[in-house]
């Protein structure tokens, strides 16, 4: 079975740890990298070539939606999922308009693996 390579862009250590645990327990996925800033993510994503990138909407050095736009412009086949601490229809609509495959409020983290596997299967 081919494991899908996941890259996480998240600046909160608690959420980083949560994503690591979730991915470690999912046989179809492997964490290929993680960055706490958009700047680090941009260089690492080019080098690591993940199948899917999880982007927090609130990063310290760049808006997560702007990062999503940049990632999609540089690789139209890259799957991006935007996550946010806020449940917002407007944020979700904008993320999808920019090319993200999905939007997930962090309070629905229990749906994370199902969503990631679904997006990877598309």
C-alpha atoms as a PDB file:
ATOM      1  CA  UNK A   1       0.000   0.000   0.000  1.00  0.00           C
ATOM      2  CA  UNK A   2       1.305   3.418  -0.954  1.00  0.00           C
ATOM      3  CA  UNK A   3       1.212   5.841   1.955  1.00  0.00           C
ATOM      4  CA  UNK A   4       0.115   9.395   1.225  1.00  0.00           C
ATOM      5  CA  UNK A   5       2.680  11.979   2.295  1.00  0.00           C
ATOM      6  CA  UNK A   6       1.273  14.719   4.536  1.00  0.00           C
ATOM      7  CA  UNK A   7       2.911  18.057   5.319  1.00  0.00           C
ATOM      8  CA  UNK A   8       1.560  20.192   8.191  1.00  0.00           C
ATOM      9  CA  UNK A   9       1.840  23.996   8.408  1.00  0.00           C
ATOM     10  CA  UNK A  10       0.820  24.839  11.980  1.00  0.00           C
ATOM     11  CA  UNK A  11       2.375  27.230  14.487  1.00  0.00           C
ATOM     12  CA  UNK A  12       0.723  25.909  17.675  1.00  0.00           C
ATOM     13  CA  UNK A  13       2.759  23.103  19.331  1.00  0.00           C
ATOM     14  CA  UNK A  14      -0.349  21.456  20.797  1.00  0.00           C
ATOM     15  CA  UNK A  15      -1.988  21.188  17.373  1.00  0.00           C
ATOM     16  CA  UNK A  16       1.271  19.991  15.814  1.00  0.00           C
ATOM     17  CA  UNK A  17       1.363  17.166  18.372  1.00  0.00           C
ATOM     18  CA  UNK A  18      -2.303  16.319  17.753  1.00  0.00           C
ATOM     19  CA  UNK A  19      -1.748  16.043  13.989  1.00  0.00           C
ATOM     20  CA  UNK A  20       1.369  13.928  14.539  1.00  0.00           C
ATOM     21  CA  UNK A  21      -0.558  11.478  16.747  1.00  0.00           C
ATOM     22  CA  UNK A  22      -3.467  11.241  14.322  1.00  0.00           C
ATOM     23  CA  UNK A  23      -1.256  10.631  11.295  1.00  0.00           C
ATOM     24  CA  UNK A  24       0.954   8.130  13.158  1.00  0.00           C
ATOM     25  CA  UNK A  25      -2.133   6.002  13.850  1.00  0.00           C
ATOM     26  CA  UNK A  26      -3.368   6.028  10.242  1.00  0.00           C
ATOM     27  CA  UNK A  27      -1.755   3.297   8.102  1.00  0.00           C
ATOM     28  CA  UNK A  28      -2.567   5.094   4.822  1.00  0.00           C
ATOM     29  CA  UNK A  29      -0.678   8.276   5.783  1.00  0.00           C
ATOM     30  CA  UNK A  30       2.854   9.295   6.687  1.00  0.00           C
ATOM     31  CA  UNK A  31       3.973  12.685   8.019  1.00  0.00           C
ATOM     32  CA  UNK A  32       6.717  13.850   5.652  1.00  0.00           C
ATOM     33  CA  UNK A  33       7.264  17.258   7.227  1.00  0.00           C
ATOM     34  CA  UNK A  34       6.023  20.029   9.447  1.00  0.00           C
ATOM     35  CA  UNK A  35       6.674  23.751   9.636  1.00  0.00           C
ATOM     36  CA  UNK A  36       5.628  26.386  12.124  1.00  0.00           C
ATOM     37  CA  UNK A  37       5.788  29.206   9.586  1.00  0.00           C
ATOM     38  CA  UNK A  38       4.863  29.823   5.977  1.00  0.00           C
ATOM     39  CA  UNK A  39       8.441  30.751   5.075  1.00  0.00           C
ATOM     40  CA  UNK A  40       9.811  27.405   6.284  1.00  0.00           C
ATOM     41  CA  UNK A  41       6.896  25.551   4.730  1.00  0.00           C
ATOM     42  CA  UNK A  42       7.455  27.002   1.260  1.00  0.00           C
ATOM     43  CA  UNK A  43      11.044  25.772   0.990  1.00  0.00           C
ATOM     44  CA  UNK A  44      10.343  22.392   2.609  1.00  0.00           C
ATOM     45  CA  UNK A  45       7.250  21.639   0.507  1.00  0.00           C
ATOM     46  CA  UNK A  46       9.229  22.153  -2.708  1.00  0.00           C
ATOM     47  CA  UNK A  47      11.915  19.745  -1.470  1.00  0.00           C
ATOM     48  CA  UNK A  48       9.635  17.107   0.096  1.00  0.00           C
ATOM     49  CA  UNK A  49       6.871  16.963  -2.551  1.00  0.00           C
ATOM     50  CA  UNK A  50       3.967  15.966  -0.245  1.00  0.00           C
ATOM     51  CA  UNK A  51       0.681  14.613  -1.575  1.00  0.00           C
ATOM     52  CA  UNK A  52      -1.343  16.851   0.722  1.00  0.00           C
ATOM     53  CA  UNK A  53      -0.630  19.967   2.794  1.00  0.00           C
ATOM     54  CA  UNK A  54      -2.612  20.959   5.874  1.00  0.00           C
ATOM     55  CA  UNK A  55      -2.485  24.754   6.321  1.00  0.00           C
ATOM     56  CA  UNK A  56      -3.546  26.649   9.440  1.00  0.00           C
ATOM     57  CA  UNK A  57      -5.346  29.814   8.410  1.00  0.00           C
ATOM     58  CA  UNK A  58      -3.680  31.870  11.203  1.00  0.00           C
ATOM     59  CA  UNK A  59       0.090  31.839  10.853  1.00  0.00           C
ATOM     60  CA  UNK A  60       2.394  34.462  12.344  1.00  0.00           C
ATOM     61  CA  UNK A  61       4.344  35.286   9.187  1.00  0.00           C
ATOM     62  CA  UNK A  62       1.677  34.925   6.472  1.00  0.00           C
ATOM     63  CA  UNK A  63      -2.047  34.458   6.225  1.00  0.00           C
ATOM     64  CA  UNK A  64      -2.846  30.782   5.638  1.00  0.00           C
ATOM     65  CA  UNK A  65      -5.121  31.672   2.735  1.00  0.00           C
ATOM     66  CA  UNK A  66      -2.296  33.578   1.046  1.00  0.00           C
ATOM     67  CA  UNK A  67      -0.044  30.551   1.578  1.00  0.00           C
ATOM     68  CA  UNK A  68      -2.724  28.303   0.081  1.00  0.00           C
ATOM     69  CA  UNK A  69      -2.915  30.529  -2.998  1.00  0.00           C
ATOM     70  CA  UNK A  70       0.882  30.483  -3.388  1.00  0.00           C
ATOM     71  CA  UNK A  71       1.053  26.693  -3.018  1.00  0.00           C
ATOM     72  CA  UNK A  72      -1.721  26.058  -5.550  1.00  0.00           C
ATOM     73  CA  UNK A  73      -0.201  28.518  -8.045  1.00  0.00           C
ATOM     74  CA  UNK A  74       3.136  26.697  -7.882  1.00  0.00           C
ATOM     75  CA  UNK A  75       1.611  23.194  -8.109  1.00  0.00           C
ATOM     76  CA  UNK A  76      -1.917  22.866  -9.468  1.00  0.00           C
ATOM     77  CA  UNK A  77      -2.024  19.164  -8.467  1.00  0.00           C
ATOM     78  CA  UNK A  78      -1.174  19.787  -4.810  1.00  0.00           C
ATOM     79  CA  UNK A  79      -4.016  19.012  -2.433  1.00  0.00           C
ATOM     80  CA  UNK A  80      -4.427  21.611   0.323  1.00  0.00           C
ATOM     81  CA  UNK A  81      -6.734  21.436   3.331  1.00  0.00           C
ATOM     82  CA  UNK A  82      -7.204  24.668   5.288  1.00  0.00           C
ATOM     83  CA  UNK A  83      -7.841  24.384   9.029  1.00  0.00           C
ATOM     84  CA  UNK A  84      -9.009  27.147  11.327  1.00  0.00           C
ATOM     85  CA  UNK A  85      -9.813  27.779  14.950  1.00  0.00           C
ATOM     86  CA  UNK A  86     -12.938  29.537  13.703  1.00  0.00           C
ATOM     87  CA  UNK A  87     -15.948  27.986  12.048  1.00  0.00           C
ATOM     88  CA  UNK A  88     -16.610  30.479   9.282  1.00  0.00           C
ATOM     89  CA  UNK A  89     -18.589  30.031   6.079  1.00  0.00           C
ATOM     90  CA  UNK A  90     -16.759  33.034   4.605  1.00  0.00           C
ATOM     91  CA  UNK A  91     -13.319  31.533   5.348  1.00  0.00           C
ATOM     92  CA  UNK A  92     -14.403  28.182   3.951  1.00  0.00           C
ATOM     93  CA  UNK A  93     -15.736  29.787   0.767  1.00  0.00           C
ATOM     94  CA  UNK A  94     -12.525  31.775   0.259  1.00  0.00           C
ATOM     95  CA  UNK A  95     -10.290  28.750   0.916  1.00  0.00           C
ATOM     96  CA  UNK A  96     -12.184  26.697  -1.666  1.00  0.00           C
ATOM     97  CA  UNK A  97     -12.148  29.590  -4.151  1.00  0.00           C
ATOM     98  CA  UNK A  98      -8.355  29.764  -3.831  1.00  0.00           C
ATOM     99  CA  UNK A  99      -8.043  26.073  -4.659  1.00  0.00           C
ATOM    100  CA  UNK A 100      -8.107  24.287  -1.313  1.00  0.00           C
ATOM    101  CA  UNK A 101      -9.795  20.891  -1.506  1.00  0.00           C
ATOM    102  CA  UNK A 102     -11.413  21.255   1.924  1.00  0.00           C
ATOM    103  CA  UNK A 103     -11.802  23.428   5.014  1.00  0.00           C
ATOM    104  CA  UNK A 104     -11.924  22.015   8.543  1.00  0.00           C
ATOM    105  CA  UNK A 105     -12.653  23.916  11.752  1.00  0.00           C
ATOM    106  CA  UNK A 106     -10.238  22.714  14.449  1.00  0.00           C
ATOM    107  CA  UNK A 107     -13.106  21.889  16.777  1.00  0.00           C
ATOM    108  CA  UNK A 108     -13.970  19.122  14.291  1.00  0.00           C
ATOM    109  CA  UNK A 109     -10.513  17.530  14.534  1.00  0.00           C
ATOM    110  CA  UNK A 110     -12.239  14.168  15.026  1.00  0.00           C
ATOM    111  CA  UNK A 111     -13.056  14.356  11.282  1.00  0.00           C
ATOM    112  CA  UNK A 112      -9.437  15.050  10.289  1.00  0.00           C
ATOM    113  CA  UNK A 113      -8.387  11.570   9.142  1.00  0.00           C
ATOM    114  CA  UNK A 114     -11.598  10.916   7.242  1.00  0.00           C
ATOM    115  CA  UNK A 115     -11.274  14.264   5.469  1.00  0.00           C
ATOM    116  CA  UNK A 116      -7.583  13.793   4.626  1.00  0.00           C
ATOM    117  CA  UNK A 117      -8.179  10.279   3.282  1.00  0.00           C
ATOM    118  CA  UNK A 118     -11.121  11.520   1.209  1.00  0.00           C
ATOM    119  CA  UNK A 119      -9.101  14.390  -0.268  1.00  0.00           C
ATOM    120  CA  UNK A 120      -6.180  12.046  -1.032  1.00  0.00           C
ATOM    121  CA  UNK A 121      -8.528   9.666  -2.851  1.00  0.00           C
ATOM    122  CA  UNK A 122      -9.805  12.403  -5.209  1.00  0.00           C
END
